[in-house]
N, C-alpha and C. Protein backbone atom coordinates (compact mmCIF):
# COMPACT_ATOMS: atom_id res chain seq x y z
N MET A 1 -4.60 -8.90 3.54
CA MET A 1 -3.93 -8.29 2.73
C MET A 1 -3.92 -7.07 3.41
N ALA A 2 -4.23 -6.97 4.93
CA ALA A 2 -3.68 -5.32 5.00
C ALA A 2 -2.92 -5.11 6.14
N GLY A 3 -1.69 -7.06 6.07
CA GLY A 3 -0.11 -6.59 6.57
C GLY A 3 -0.02 -6.15 6.00
N THR A 4 0.06 -6.51 3.94
CA THR A 4 0.80 -5.58 3.11
C THR A 4 0.22 -4.63 3.09
N VAL A 5 -0.41 -3.96 2.52
CA VAL A 5 -1.02 -2.55 3.12
C VAL A 5 -0.14 -1.46 3.60
N THR A 6 -0.11 -1.83 5.06
CA THR A 6 0.69 -0.98 6.15
C THR A 6 2.61 -1.44 5.53
N VAL A 7 2.80 -2.82 4.64
CA VAL A 7 4.18 -2.65 4.84
C VAL A 7 4.70 -1.54 4.15
N VAL A 8 3.63 -1.30 2.93
CA VAL A 8 4.24 -1.08 1.78
C VAL A 8 3.93 0.85 2.40
N GLY A 9 2.51 0.98 3.40
CA GLY A 9 2.67 2.11 3.43
C GLY A 9 3.80 2.71 4.65
N LEU A 10 4.30 2.11 5.77
CA LEU A 10 5.54 2.52 5.96
C LEU A 10 6.66 2.36 5.01
N GLY A 11 6.86 1.78 3.96
CA GLY A 11 7.85 2.19 2.66
C GLY A 11 8.42 3.16 2.14
N PRO A 12 9.41 3.73 1.46
CA PRO A 12 10.31 4.54 1.67
C PRO A 12 8.78 5.44 0.56
N ALA A 13 8.12 4.65 0.21
CA ALA A 13 6.57 4.96 -0.86
C ALA A 13 6.13 6.26 -0.85
N GLY A 14 5.64 6.25 1.29
CA GLY A 14 4.49 6.48 1.73
C GLY A 14 3.30 6.20 1.20
N PRO A 15 2.37 7.09 2.20
CA PRO A 15 0.99 7.17 1.74
C PRO A 15 0.59 6.71 0.64
N GLU A 16 1.16 7.35 -0.50
CA GLU A 16 0.76 8.35 -2.04
C GLU A 16 0.21 6.04 -2.65
N LEU A 17 1.76 5.59 -2.83
CA LEU A 17 1.46 4.39 -3.27
C LEU A 17 1.37 3.19 -2.41
N CYS A 18 0.85 3.10 -1.36
CA CYS A 18 0.88 2.45 -0.29
C CYS A 18 -0.85 2.49 -1.31
N THR A 19 -2.04 3.24 -0.86
CA THR A 19 -3.16 3.61 -1.59
C THR A 19 -3.47 2.82 -2.72
N ALA A 20 -2.43 3.30 -4.41
CA ALA A 20 -2.25 3.59 -5.02
C ALA A 20 -2.14 1.69 -5.02
N GLU A 21 -1.08 1.09 -4.62
CA GLU A 21 -0.60 -0.56 -4.52
C GLU A 21 -2.37 -1.53 -3.57
N ALA A 22 -2.62 -0.54 -3.26
CA ALA A 22 -3.90 -1.55 -2.45
C ALA A 22 -4.89 -0.96 -3.30
N LEU A 23 -5.44 -0.32 -3.88
CA LEU A 23 -6.67 -0.46 -4.89
C LEU A 23 -5.85 -1.31 -6.68
N GLN A 24 -4.69 -1.50 -6.35
CA GLN A 24 -4.49 -2.21 -7.52
C GLN A 24 -4.49 -3.86 -7.13
N ALA A 25 -4.07 -3.99 -5.67
CA ALA A 25 -4.27 -5.12 -5.39
C ALA A 25 -6.13 -5.31 -5.30
N ILE A 26 -7.16 -4.62 -4.49
CA ILE A 26 -8.62 -4.45 -4.37
C ILE A 26 -9.09 -5.18 -6.37
N ALA A 27 -8.89 -4.22 -7.44
CA ALA A 27 -8.74 -4.96 -8.27
C ALA A 27 -8.12 -5.41 -9.40
């Protein structure tokens, strides 16, 4: 999962969406 979170963080969405995606994935 770390890989996916990293990709999202590097995306144009920024670290905010990365955190949101990570929380959703964990939940």
